[in-house]
Amino acid sequence: MLEKQLEFWRAWAERPAAKTLGKVARIAFFVGMIVWMTVQVHAIGWSEVLASLPVNPLFYILFVIGFLILPASEILVFRTIFGRPLPGGFPIYIRKRILNSALVGYSGEVYLFVWLRRVIGLPNKTIALGLKDNAILSALASGFVTLVLLVAFAAAGDARRIVAWLNPGPALLIAGLMGAIFLAPLLFRVRAQLIAMPMRQMLQVMTIHSARIVLTVLLQATQWAVVLPQEPWSVWLVFLTAQMVISRLPIIPNRDLLFLSAALEMSGAIAGPREAMAGLLLAGGALTQGSNLVFYLLTSLSKQPPVDGGEVKGEEPQRVPGAS
């Protein structure tokens, strides 16, 4: 069933009308975000913001490291899931990250599914199960870290900053926390129906994802602190929480731009000069968009390994290697 759904959406995405609709939606979102951020920066002052762009090279070094953490971690993730190394996978994982970030969430999984069909001798259903399990475990790990951040900033008394931006009232935060508390045991009980891999393999993948997300969060906060060392880490906790909450929003094109827009609006939360925070955020946003383009072009130059066993289209359901 999952394989048929992937094939259906892949075929649908190839239709001229779907391509046109997707392009119009992405352009409209992009233009809307650019206009809104332009208004935000104009209110602060263009000259002040441009004069406050980060000059510390460590800011940019930390950005590149943070950008590559996800594809690097997926080398271990997919080796664990499929029980074999996947030569040439790193450039593909970079493209997967770019597609999920710059286009629509999980578009990268469709791209990876097509690539995996070419390079490993496993049935389509096995590949689809592995990708589905990985997506669920990654989302659970991200949700857990987001929950921890929500609890931390709420305990620090800073909830009003993000609540003021979201503007639904504190009840949303309380409902989210209570929902997560009651949902977690239910997900654990039905994990056998949701996830094909055995418990040991599932824990290995969850550990990799959790470690990757925590490392990414720490690197992001350090990157900001390098530019504005006078700000307390509680300030960065607010921005990190907003970033993680936005990253969990489904079917949102280019969530990096959405976070940049929200962060510019919340930049008044810092005690220091607002233009310095705006310069930091704009530099990070420009780096993200520019890196998406640069790394996409660089990965297009990489040579792909030969097909390993050809495309296998077994119809019998198969579990991910290692499943019992």
C-alpha atoms as a PDB file:
ATOM      1  CA  MET A   1       0.000   0.000   0.000  1.00  0.00           C
ATOM      2  CA  LEU A   2       2.776   2.432   0.945  1.00  0.00           C
ATOM      3  CA  GLU A   3       4.655   1.606  -2.243  1.00  0.00           C
ATOM      4  CA  LYS A   4       1.534   2.296  -4.325  1.00  0.00           C
ATOM      5  CA  GLN A   5       1.029   5.622  -2.544  1.00  0.00           C
ATOM      6  CA  LEU A   6       4.613   6.647  -3.243  1.00  0.00           C
ATOM      7  CA  GLU A   7       4.235   5.674  -6.879  1.00  0.00           C
ATOM      8  CA  PHE A   8       0.923   7.539  -7.109  1.00  0.00           C
ATOM      9  CA  TRP A   9       2.351  10.766  -5.687  1.00  0.00           C
ATOM     10  CA  ARG A  10       5.486  10.468  -7.805  1.00  0.00           C
ATOM     11  CA  ALA A  11       3.355  10.039 -10.951  1.00  0.00           C
ATOM     12  CA  TRP A  12       1.053  12.877  -9.875  1.00  0.00           C
ATOM     13  CA  ALA A  13       4.005  15.174  -9.271  1.00  0.00           C
ATOM     14  CA  GLU A  14       5.197  14.555 -12.835  1.00  0.00           C
ATOM     15  CA  ARG A  15       1.972  15.900 -14.342  1.00  0.00           C
ATOM     16  CA  PRO A  16       2.270  19.351 -15.963  1.00  0.00           C
ATOM     17  CA  ALA A  17      -0.645  20.731 -13.934  1.00  0.00           C
ATOM     18  CA  ALA A  18       0.910  19.521 -10.654  1.00  0.00           C
ATOM     19  CA  LYS A  19       4.279  21.019 -11.543  1.00  0.00           C
ATOM     20  CA  THR A  20       2.652  24.337 -12.410  1.00  0.00           C
ATOM     21  CA  LEU A  21       0.578  24.360  -9.215  1.00  0.00           C
ATOM     22  CA  GLY A  22       3.603  23.523  -7.082  1.00  0.00           C
ATOM     23  CA  LYS A  23       5.696  26.209  -8.742  1.00  0.00           C
ATOM     24  CA  VAL A  24       2.988  28.856  -8.270  1.00  0.00           C
ATOM     25  CA  ALA A  25       2.538  27.892  -4.592  1.00  0.00           C
ATOM     26  CA  ARG A  26       6.283  28.021  -3.893  1.00  0.00           C
ATOM     27  CA  ILE A  27       6.676  31.360  -5.669  1.00  0.00           C
ATOM     28  CA  ALA A  28       3.691  32.852  -3.814  1.00  0.00           C
ATOM     29  CA  PHE A  29       5.030  31.667  -0.448  1.00  0.00           C
ATOM     30  CA  PHE A  30       8.543  32.886  -1.248  1.00  0.00           C
ATOM     31  CA  VAL A  31       7.337  36.314  -2.387  1.00  0.00           C
ATOM     32  CA  GLY A  32       5.062  36.648   0.639  1.00  0.00           C
ATOM     33  CA  MET A  33       7.884  35.845   3.067  1.00  0.00           C
ATOM     34  CA  ILE A  34      10.304  38.207   1.307  1.00  0.00           C
ATOM     35  CA  VAL A  35       7.789  41.061   1.400  1.00  0.00           C
ATOM     36  CA  TRP A  36       7.020  40.487   5.074  1.00  0.00           C
ATOM     37  CA  MET A  37      10.725  40.306   6.019  1.00  0.00           C
ATOM     38  CA  THR A  38      11.417  43.428   3.979  1.00  0.00           C
ATOM     39  CA  VAL A  39       8.805  45.260   6.020  1.00  0.00           C
ATOM     40  CA  GLN A  40      10.345  43.946   9.245  1.00  0.00           C
ATOM     41  CA  VAL A  41      13.881  44.989   8.307  1.00  0.00           C
ATOM     42  CA  HIS A  42      12.699  48.371   7.036  1.00  0.00           C
ATOM     43  CA  ALA A  43      11.112  49.038  10.413  1.00  0.00           C
ATOM     44  CA  ILE A  44      14.480  48.372  12.066  1.00  0.00           C
ATOM     45  CA  GLY A  45      16.574  50.231   9.509  1.00  0.00           C
ATOM     46  CA  TRP A  46      18.446  48.805   6.521  1.00  0.00           C
ATOM     47  CA  SER A  47      21.732  50.590   7.177  1.00  0.00           C
ATOM     48  CA  GLU A  48      21.792  49.510  10.830  1.00  0.00           C
ATOM     49  CA  VAL A  49      21.053  45.888   9.915  1.00  0.00           C
ATOM     50  CA  LEU A  50      23.669  45.738   7.140  1.00  0.00           C
ATOM     51  CA  ALA A  51      26.272  47.264   9.446  1.00  0.00           C
ATOM     52  CA  SER A  52      25.471  44.569  12.033  1.00  0.00           C
ATOM     53  CA  LEU A  53      26.024  41.499   9.823  1.00  0.00           C
ATOM     54  CA  PRO A  54      28.266  38.924  11.571  1.00  0.00           C
ATOM     55  CA  VAL A  55      31.994  39.301  10.888  1.00  0.00           C
ATOM     56  CA  ASN A  56      33.248  36.495  13.125  1.00  0.00           C
ATOM     57  CA  PRO A  57      34.319  33.613  10.807  1.00  0.00           C
ATOM     58  CA  LEU A  58      33.317  31.092  13.494  1.00  0.00           C
ATOM     59  CA  PHE A  59      29.678  32.007  12.812  1.00  0.00           C
ATOM     60  CA  TYR A  60      29.988  30.782   9.227  1.00  0.00           C
ATOM     61  CA  ILE A  61      32.061  27.707  10.124  1.00  0.00           C
ATOM     62  CA  LEU A  62      29.439  26.600  12.637  1.00  0.00           C
ATOM     63  CA  PHE A  63      26.739  27.133  10.029  1.00  0.00           C
ATOM     64  CA  VAL A  64      28.388  24.780   7.512  1.00  0.00           C
ATOM     65  CA  ILE A  65      28.885  22.133  10.199  1.00  0.00           C
ATOM     66  CA  GLY A  66      25.244  22.428  11.254  1.00  0.00           C
ATOM     67  CA  PHE A  67      24.070  22.254   7.648  1.00  0.00           C
ATOM     68  CA  LEU A  68      25.888  18.942   7.077  1.00  0.00           C
ATOM     69  CA  ILE A  69      25.022  17.233  10.373  1.00  0.00           C
ATOM     70  CA  LEU A  70      21.708  15.815   9.097  1.00  0.00           C
ATOM     71  CA  PRO A  71      23.044  14.180   5.895  1.00  0.00           C
ATOM     72  CA  ALA A  72      26.104  12.930   7.785  1.00  0.00           C
ATOM     73  CA  SER A  73      23.928  11.300  10.456  1.00  0.00           C
ATOM     74  CA  GLU A  74      21.824   9.609   7.769  1.00  0.00           C
ATOM     75  CA  ILE A  75      24.870   7.655   6.637  1.00  0.00           C
ATOM     76  CA  LEU A  76      24.576   5.809   9.964  1.00  0.00           C
ATOM     77  CA  VAL A  77      20.778   5.828   9.988  1.00  0.00           C
ATOM     78  CA  PHE A  78      20.251   4.125   6.634  1.00  0.00           C
ATOM     79  CA  ARG A  79      23.147   1.728   7.155  1.00  0.00           C
ATOM     80  CA  THR A  80      21.385   0.659  10.354  1.00  0.00           C
ATOM     81  CA  ILE A  81      17.985   0.399   8.674  1.00  0.00           C
ATOM     82  CA  PHE A  82      19.040  -1.510   5.546  1.00  0.00           C
ATOM     83  CA  GLY A  83      21.895  -3.470   7.126  1.00  0.00           C
ATOM     84  CA  ARG A  84      24.497  -2.439   4.532  1.00  0.00           C
ATOM     85  CA  PRO A  85      26.610   0.557   3.554  1.00  0.00           C
ATOM     86  CA  LEU A  86      25.236   2.723   0.753  1.00  0.00           C
ATOM     87  CA  PRO A  87      28.209   4.060  -1.258  1.00  0.00           C
ATOM     88  CA  GLY A  88      27.606   7.480  -2.748  1.00  0.00           C
ATOM     89  CA  GLY A  89      24.745   8.192  -0.368  1.00  0.00           C
ATOM     90  CA  PHE A  90      26.116  11.369   1.240  1.00  0.00           C
ATOM     91  CA  PRO A  91      25.384  13.664  -1.755  1.00  0.00           C
ATOM     92  CA  ILE A  92      21.911  12.115  -2.000  1.00  0.00           C
ATOM     93  CA  TYR A  93      21.239  12.788   1.684  1.00  0.00           C
ATOM     94  CA  ILE A  94      22.327  16.406   1.169  1.00  0.00           C
ATOM     95  CA  ARG A  95      19.822  16.736  -1.678  1.00  0.00           C
ATOM     96  CA  LYS A  96      17.148  15.117   0.478  1.00  0.00           C
ATOM     97  CA  ARG A  97      17.796  17.741   3.162  1.00  0.00           C
ATOM     98  CA  ILE A  98      17.600  20.544   0.606  1.00  0.00           C
ATOM     99  CA  LEU A  99      14.345  19.275  -0.908  1.00  0.00           C
ATOM    100  CA  ASN A 100      12.683  18.905   2.489  1.00  0.00           C
ATOM    101  CA  SER A 101      13.909  22.348   3.544  1.00  0.00           C
ATOM    102  CA  ALA A 102      13.405  24.399   0.393  1.00  0.00           C
ATOM    103  CA  LEU A 103      10.335  22.670  -1.048  1.00  0.00           C
ATOM    104  CA  VAL A 104       7.757  20.674   0.935  1.00  0.00           C
ATOM    105  CA  GLY A 105       8.362  18.329   3.853  1.00  0.00           C
ATOM    106  CA  TYR A 106       8.986  14.685   2.845  1.00  0.00           C
ATOM    107  CA  SER A 107       9.620  15.564  -0.805  1.00  0.00           C
ATOM    108  CA  GLY A 108      13.175  14.478  -0.037  1.00  0.00           C
ATOM    109  CA  GLU A 109      11.935  11.014   0.993  1.00  0.00           C
ATOM    110  CA  VAL A 110      10.354  10.521  -2.432  1.00  0.00           C
ATOM    111  CA  TYR A 111      13.654  11.515  -4.072  1.00  0.00           C
ATOM    112  CA  LEU A 112      15.573   9.114  -1.801  1.00  0.00           C
ATOM    113  CA  PHE A 113      13.107   6.285  -2.538  1.00  0.00           C
ATOM    114  CA  VAL A 114      13.729   6.636  -6.279  1.00  0.00           C
ATOM    115  CA  TRP A 115      17.502   6.613  -5.712  1.00  0.00           C
ATOM    116  CA  LEU A 116      17.425   3.605  -3.392  1.00  0.00           C
ATOM    117  CA  ARG A 117      15.461   1.574  -5.957  1.00  0.00           C
ATOM    118  CA  ARG A 118      18.444   1.976  -8.308  1.00  0.00           C
ATOM    119  CA  VAL A 119      21.336   1.221  -5.980  1.00  0.00           C
ATOM    120  CA  ILE A 120      20.279  -1.576  -3.605  1.00  0.00           C
ATOM    121  CA  GLY A 121      18.869  -4.979  -4.437  1.00  0.00           C
ATOM    122  CA  LEU A 122      15.872  -4.834  -2.135  1.00  0.00           C
ATOM    123  CA  PRO A 123      12.147  -4.931  -2.939  1.00  0.00           C
ATOM    124  CA  ASN A 124      10.328  -1.632  -3.208  1.00  0.00           C
ATOM    125  CA  LYS A 125       8.174  -2.498  -0.200  1.00  0.00           C
ATOM    126  CA  THR A 126      11.230  -3.071   1.982  1.00  0.00           C
ATOM    127  CA  ILE A 127      12.670   0.280   0.953  1.00  0.00           C
ATOM    128  CA  ALA A 128       9.332   2.029   1.528  1.00  0.00           C
ATOM    129  CA  LEU A 129       9.016   0.450   4.991  1.00  0.00           C
ATOM    130  CA  GLY A 130      12.518   1.598   5.899  1.00  0.00           C
ATOM    131  CA  LEU A 131      11.840   5.161   4.803  1.00  0.00           C
ATOM    132  CA  LYS A 132       8.489   5.192   6.576  1.00  0.00           C
ATOM    133  CA  ASP A 133      10.017   3.915   9.823  1.00  0.00           C
ATOM    134  CA  ASN A 134      12.835   6.442   9.595  1.00  0.00           C
ATOM    135  CA  ALA A 135      10.403   9.325   9.029  1.00  0.00           C
ATOM    136  CA  ILE A 136       8.320   8.286  12.051  1.00  0.00           C
ATOM    137  CA  LEU A 137      11.359   7.880  14.325  1.00  0.00           C
ATOM    138  CA  SER A 138      12.885  11.157  13.167  1.00  0.00           C
ATOM    139  CA  ALA A 139       9.591  12.948  13.844  1.00  0.00           C
ATOM    140  CA  LEU A 140       9.327  11.333  17.293  1.00  0.00           C
ATOM    141  CA  ALA A 141      12.893  12.357  18.177  1.00  0.00           C
ATOM    142  CA  SER A 142      12.276  15.901  16.937  1.00  0.00           C
ATOM    143  CA  GLY A 143       8.962  16.051  18.795  1.00  0.00           C
ATOM    144  CA  PHE A 144      10.621  14.903  22.003  1.00  0.00           C
ATOM    145  CA  VAL A 145      13.358  17.549  21.768  1.00  0.00           C
ATOM    146  CA  THR A 146      10.714  20.181  20.945  1.00  0.00           C
ATOM    147  CA  LEU A 147       8.723  19.121  24.001  1.00  0.00           C
ATOM    148  CA  VAL A 148      11.821  19.417  26.209  1.00  0.00           C
ATOM    149  CA  LEU A 149      12.475  22.916  24.842  1.00  0.00           C
ATOM    150  CA  LEU A 150       8.838  23.913  25.413  1.00  0.00           C
ATOM    151  CA  VAL A 151       9.004  22.730  29.027  1.00  0.00           C
ATOM    152  CA  ALA A 152      12.358  24.471  29.543  1.00  0.00           C
ATOM    153  CA  PHE A 153      11.320  27.872  28.220  1.00  0.00           C
ATOM    154  CA  ALA A 154       7.936  27.664  29.960  1.00  0.00           C
ATOM    155  CA  ALA A 155       9.710  26.892  33.249  1.00  0.00           C
ATOM    156  CA  ALA A 156      12.004  29.859  32.631  1.00  0.00           C
ATOM    157  CA  GLY A 157       8.964  32.149  32.413  1.00  0.00           C
ATOM    158  CA  ASP A 158       9.544  33.084  28.771  1.00  0.00           C
ATOM    159  CA  ALA A 159       6.436  31.425  27.336  1.00  0.00           C
ATOM    160  CA  ARG A 160       4.824  34.792  26.654  1.00  0.00           C
ATOM    161  CA  ARG A 161       7.323  35.565  23.886  1.00  0.00           C
ATOM    162  CA  ILE A 162       6.411  32.683  21.617  1.00  0.00           C
ATOM    163  CA  VAL A 163       2.775  32.688  22.729  1.00  0.00           C
ATOM    164  CA  ALA A 164       2.592  36.368  21.782  1.00  0.00           C
ATOM    165  CA  TRP A 165       3.801  35.503  18.292  1.00  0.00           C
ATOM    166  CA  LEU A 166       1.525  32.479  17.849  1.00  0.00           C
ATOM    167  CA  ASN A 167      -1.281  34.425  19.591  1.00  0.00           C
ATOM    168  CA  PRO A 168      -3.612  31.530  20.504  1.00  0.00           C
ATOM    169  CA  GLY A 169      -3.245  31.903  24.262  1.00  0.00           C
ATOM    170  CA  PRO A 170      -1.388  29.751  26.842  1.00  0.00           C
ATOM    171  CA  ALA A 171      -4.048  27.040  26.493  1.00  0.00           C
ATOM    172  CA  LEU A 172      -2.358  25.867  23.276  1.00  0.00           C
ATOM    173  CA  LEU A 173       0.887  25.139  25.094  1.00  0.00           C
ATOM    174  CA  ILE A 174      -0.897  23.347  27.936  1.00  0.00           C
ATOM    175  CA  ALA A 175      -2.966  21.304  25.466  1.00  0.00           C
ATOM    176  CA  GLY A 176       0.150  20.363  23.517  1.00  0.00           C
ATOM    177  CA  LEU A 177       1.972  19.189  26.629  1.00  0.00           C
ATOM    178  CA  MET A 178      -0.997  17.198  27.917  1.00  0.00           C
ATOM    179  CA  GLY A 179      -1.559  15.688  24.478  1.00  0.00           C
ATOM    180  CA  ALA A 180       2.058  14.581  24.260  1.00  0.00           C
ATOM    181  CA  ILE A 181       1.900  13.053  27.749  1.00  0.00           C
ATOM    182  CA  PHE A 182      -1.159  10.949  26.906  1.00  0.00           C
ATOM    183  CA  LEU A 183      -0.113  10.179  23.336  1.00  0.00           C
ATOM    184  CA  ALA A 184       3.345   8.797  24.134  1.00  0.00           C
ATOM    185  CA  PRO A 185       2.116   5.591  25.896  1.00  0.00           C
ATOM    186  CA  LEU A 186      -0.382   4.981  23.100  1.00  0.00           C
ATOM    187  CA  LEU A 187       2.324   5.274  20.440  1.00  0.00           C
ATOM    188  CA  PHE A 188       4.499   2.856  22.418  1.00  0.00           C
ATOM    189  CA  ARG A 189       1.708   0.275  22.589  1.00  0.00           C
ATOM    190  CA  VAL A 190       0.939   0.421  18.860  1.00  0.00           C
ATOM    191  CA  ARG A 191       4.581   0.696  17.733  1.00  0.00           C
ATOM    192  CA  ALA A 192       4.429  -2.790  16.192  1.00  0.00           C
ATOM    193  CA  GLN A 193       1.680  -1.598  13.840  1.00  0.00           C
ATOM    194  CA  LEU A 194       3.455   1.680  13.053  1.00  0.00           C
ATOM    195  CA  ILE A 195       7.092   0.586  12.835  1.00  0.00           C
ATOM    196  CA  ALA A 196       8.318  -2.566  11.097  1.00  0.00           C
ATOM    197  CA  MET A 197      11.818  -2.751  12.585  1.00  0.00           C
ATOM    198  CA  PRO A 198      12.492  -4.538  15.902  1.00  0.00           C
ATOM    199  CA  MET A 199      12.930  -2.685  19.177  1.00  0.00           C
ATOM    200  CA  ARG A 200      16.735  -2.823  19.230  1.00  0.00           C
ATOM    201  CA  GLN A 201      17.039  -1.424  15.724  1.00  0.00           C
ATOM    202  CA  MET A 202      14.387   1.195  16.480  1.00  0.00           C
ATOM    203  CA  LEU A 203      16.304   2.374  19.556  1.00  0.00           C
ATOM    204  CA  GLN A 204      19.522   2.616  17.549  1.00  0.00           C
ATOM    205  CA  VAL A 205      17.877   4.826  14.934  1.00  0.00           C
ATOM    206  CA  MET A 206      16.122   6.932  17.592  1.00  0.00           C
ATOM    207  CA  THR A 207      19.442   7.431  19.402  1.00  0.00           C
ATOM    208  CA  ILE A 208      21.145   8.660  16.232  1.00  0.00           C
ATOM    209  CA  HIS A 209      18.303  11.069  15.452  1.00  0.00           C
ATOM    210  CA  SER A 210      18.098  12.370  19.020  1.00  0.00           C
ATOM    211  CA  ALA A 211      21.864  12.928  19.225  1.00  0.00           C
ATOM    212  CA  ARG A 212      21.822  14.693  15.864  1.00  0.00           C
ATOM    213  CA  ILE A 213      18.975  17.029  16.868  1.00  0.00           C
ATOM    214  CA  VAL A 214      20.547  17.899  20.234  1.00  0.00           C
ATOM    215  CA  LEU A 215      23.906  18.593  18.551  1.00  0.00           C
ATOM    216  CA  THR A 216      22.195  20.758  15.925  1.00  0.00           C
ATOM    217  CA  VAL A 217      20.365  22.750  18.597  1.00  0.00           C
ATOM    218  CA  LEU A 218      23.581  23.334  20.560  1.00  0.00           C
ATOM    219  CA  LEU A 219      25.462  24.378  17.429  1.00  0.00           C
ATOM    220  CA  GLN A 220      22.689  26.802  16.470  1.00  0.00           C
ATOM    221  CA  ALA A 221      22.682  28.408  19.908  1.00  0.00           C
ATOM    222  CA  THR A 222      26.491  28.619  19.887  1.00  0.00           C
ATOM    223  CA  GLN A 223      26.395  30.211  16.442  1.00  0.00           C
ATOM    224  CA  TRP A 224      24.074  32.946  17.729  1.00  0.00           C
ATOM    225  CA  ALA A 225      26.056  33.371  20.957  1.00  0.00           C
ATOM    226  CA  VAL A 226      29.267  33.924  18.987  1.00  0.00           C
ATOM    227  CA  VAL A 227      27.722  37.063  17.476  1.00  0.00           C
ATOM    228  CA  LEU A 228      25.897  38.309  20.582  1.00  0.00           C
ATOM    229  CA  PRO A 229      27.845  36.889  23.556  1.00  0.00           C
ATOM    230  CA  GLN A 230      26.249  39.393  25.944  1.00  0.00           C
ATOM    231  CA  GLU A 231      22.820  37.771  25.581  1.00  0.00           C
ATOM    232  CA  PRO A 232      21.860  35.064  28.122  1.00  0.00           C
ATOM    233  CA  TRP A 233      21.192  31.561  26.831  1.00  0.00           C
ATOM    234  CA  SER A 234      17.571  31.916  27.893  1.00  0.00           C
ATOM    235  CA  VAL A 235      17.132  34.256  24.902  1.00  0.00           C
ATOM    236  CA  TRP A 236      18.465  31.644  22.515  1.00  0.00           C
ATOM    237  CA  LEU A 237      16.160  29.107  24.152  1.00  0.00           C
ATOM    238  CA  VAL A 238      13.198  31.198  22.988  1.00  0.00           C
ATOM    239  CA  PHE A 239      14.395  31.310  19.387  1.00  0.00           C
ATOM    240  CA  LEU A 240      15.360  27.626  19.378  1.00  0.00           C
ATOM    241  CA  THR A 241      11.910  26.678  20.649  1.00  0.00           C
ATOM    242  CA  ALA A 242      10.233  28.748  17.952  1.00  0.00           C
ATOM    243  CA  GLN A 243      12.488  27.165  15.336  1.00  0.00           C
ATOM    244  CA  MET A 244      11.681  23.634  16.511  1.00  0.00           C
ATOM    245  CA  VAL A 245       7.932  24.346  16.671  1.00  0.00           C
ATOM    246  CA  ILE A 246       7.971  25.709  13.112  1.00  0.00           C
ATOM    247  CA  SER A 247      10.010  22.719  11.917  1.00  0.00           C
ATOM    248  CA  ARG A 248       7.152  20.438  13.020  1.00  0.00           C
ATOM    249  CA  LEU A 249       4.535  22.252  10.895  1.00  0.00           C
ATOM    250  CA  PRO A 250       3.419  19.927   8.064  1.00  0.00           C
ATOM    251  CA  ILE A 251       3.202  20.771   4.349  1.00  0.00           C
ATOM    252  CA  ILE A 252       4.819  24.194   4.760  1.00  0.00           C
ATOM    253  CA  PRO A 253       7.169  25.139   1.898  1.00  0.00           C
ATOM    254  CA  ASN A 254      10.543  26.568   2.967  1.00  0.00           C
ATOM    255  CA  ARG A 255      10.071  26.575   6.725  1.00  0.00           C
ATOM    256  CA  ASP A 256      13.462  28.285   7.091  1.00  0.00           C
ATOM    257  CA  LEU A 257      11.955  31.458   5.619  1.00  0.00           C
ATOM    258  CA  LEU A 258       8.948  31.140   7.923  1.00  0.00           C
ATOM    259  CA  PHE A 259      11.224  30.898  10.962  1.00  0.00           C
ATOM    260  CA  LEU A 260      13.274  33.853   9.748  1.00  0.00           C
ATOM    261  CA  SER A 261      10.104  35.938   9.479  1.00  0.00           C
ATOM    262  CA  ALA A 262       8.939  34.891  12.961  1.00  0.00           C
ATOM    263  CA  ALA A 263      12.374  35.457  14.504  1.00  0.00           C
ATOM    264  CA  LEU A 264      12.590  38.959  13.043  1.00  0.00           C
ATOM    265  CA  GLU A 265       9.272  39.749  14.684  1.00  0.00           C
ATOM    266  CA  MET A 266      10.503  38.339  18.008  1.00  0.00           C
ATOM    267  CA  SER A 267      13.892  40.078  17.785  1.00  0.00           C
ATOM    268  CA  GLY A 268      12.650  42.735  20.199  1.00  0.00           C
ATOM    269  CA  ALA A 269      12.998  40.090  22.929  1.00  0.00           C
ATOM    270  CA  ILE A 270      16.755  40.641  23.207  1.00  0.00           C
ATOM    271  CA  ALA A 271      18.206  43.198  25.571  1.00  0.00           C
ATOM    272  CA  GLY A 272      20.859  44.330  23.103  1.00  0.00           C
ATOM    273  CA  PRO A 273      20.447  46.234  19.824  1.00  0.00           C
ATOM    274  CA  ARG A 274      17.641  44.812  17.709  1.00  0.00           C
ATOM    275  CA  GLU A 275      19.495  45.538  14.474  1.00  0.00           C
ATOM    276  CA  ALA A 276      22.310  43.208  15.574  1.00  0.00           C
ATOM    277  CA  MET A 277      19.827  40.364  16.012  1.00  0.00           C
ATOM    278  CA  ALA A 278      18.219  41.187  12.673  1.00  0.00           C
ATOM    279  CA  GLY A 279      21.634  41.138  10.975  1.00  0.00           C
ATOM    280  CA  LEU A 280      22.399  37.777  12.561  1.00  0.00           C
ATOM    281  CA  LEU A 281      19.075  36.307  11.441  1.00  0.00           C
ATOM    282  CA  LEU A 282      19.321  37.690   7.915  1.00  0.00           C
ATOM    283  CA  ALA A 283      22.855  36.329   7.574  1.00  0.00           C
ATOM    284  CA  GLY A 284      21.669  32.900   8.716  1.00  0.00           C
ATOM    285  CA  GLY A 285      18.684  32.998   6.368  1.00  0.00           C
ATOM    286  CA  ALA A 286      20.785  34.083   3.402  1.00  0.00           C
ATOM    287  CA  LEU A 287      23.349  31.371   4.200  1.00  0.00           C
ATOM    288  CA  THR A 288      20.616  28.738   4.317  1.00  0.00           C
ATOM    289  CA  GLN A 289      19.119  29.710   0.971  1.00  0.00           C
ATOM    290  CA  GLY A 290      22.530  30.142  -0.637  1.00  0.00           C
ATOM    291  CA  SER A 291      23.786  26.838   0.754  1.00  0.00           C
ATOM    292  CA  ASN A 292      20.736  25.042  -0.617  1.00  0.00           C
ATOM    293  CA  LEU A 293      21.685  26.268  -4.085  1.00  0.00           C
ATOM    294  CA  VAL A 294      25.454  25.727  -3.757  1.00  0.00           C
ATOM    295  CA  PHE A 295      25.236  22.234  -2.273  1.00  0.00           C
ATOM    296  CA  TYR A 296      22.565  21.207  -4.771  1.00  0.00           C
ATOM    297  CA  LEU A 297      24.887  22.214  -7.615  1.00  0.00           C
ATOM    298  CA  LEU A 298      27.888  20.523  -5.987  1.00  0.00           C
ATOM    299  CA  THR A 299      26.042  17.252  -5.426  1.00  0.00           C
ATOM    300  CA  SER A 300      24.974  17.231  -9.072  1.00  0.00           C
ATOM    301  CA  LEU A 301      28.660  16.779  -9.939  1.00  0.00           C
ATOM    302  CA  SER A 302      29.071  13.645  -7.816  1.00  0.00           C
ATOM    303  CA  LYS A 303      29.329  10.285  -9.560  1.00  0.00           C
ATOM    304  CA  GLN A 304      26.750   7.679  -8.628  1.00  0.00           C
ATOM    305  CA  PRO A 305      27.754   4.085  -7.842  1.00  0.00           C
ATOM    306  CA  PRO A 306      26.691   1.252 -10.149  1.00  0.00           C
ATOM    307  CA  VAL A 307      23.333  -0.376  -9.529  1.00  0.00           C
ATOM    308  CA  ASP A 308      23.587  -3.122  -6.881  1.00  0.00           C
ATOM    309  CA  GLY A 309      21.509  -6.000  -8.082  1.00  0.00           C
ATOM    310  CA  GLY A 310      19.134  -3.934 -10.212  1.00  0.00           C
ATOM    311  CA  GLU A 311      15.646  -2.858  -9.374  1.00  0.00           C
ATOM    312  CA  VAL A 312      13.731  -5.515  -7.482  1.00  0.00           C
ATOM    313  CA  LYS A 313       9.968  -5.346  -7.475  1.00  0.00           C
ATOM    314  CA  GLY A 314       8.988  -8.139  -5.149  1.00  0.00           C
ATOM    315  CA  GLU A 315       5.314  -8.200  -4.316  1.00  0.00           C
ATOM    316  CA  GLU A 316       5.574 -10.129  -1.054  1.00  0.00           C
ATOM    317  CA  PRO A 317       5.764  -7.862   1.983  1.00  0.00           C
ATOM    318  CA  GLN A 318       9.230  -7.892   3.494  1.00  0.00           C
ATOM    319  CA  ARG A 319      10.407  -6.440   6.731  1.00  0.00           C
ATOM    320  CA  VAL A 320      13.436  -4.239   7.064  1.00  0.00           C
ATOM    321  CA  PRO A 321      16.615  -6.327   7.448  1.00  0.00           C
ATOM    322  CA  GLY A 322      17.002  -7.370  11.040  1.00  0.00           C
ATOM    323  CA  ALA A 323      13.268  -7.427  11.726  1.00  0.00           C
ATOM    324  CA  SER A 324      11.866 -10.447  13.440  1.00  0.00           C
END
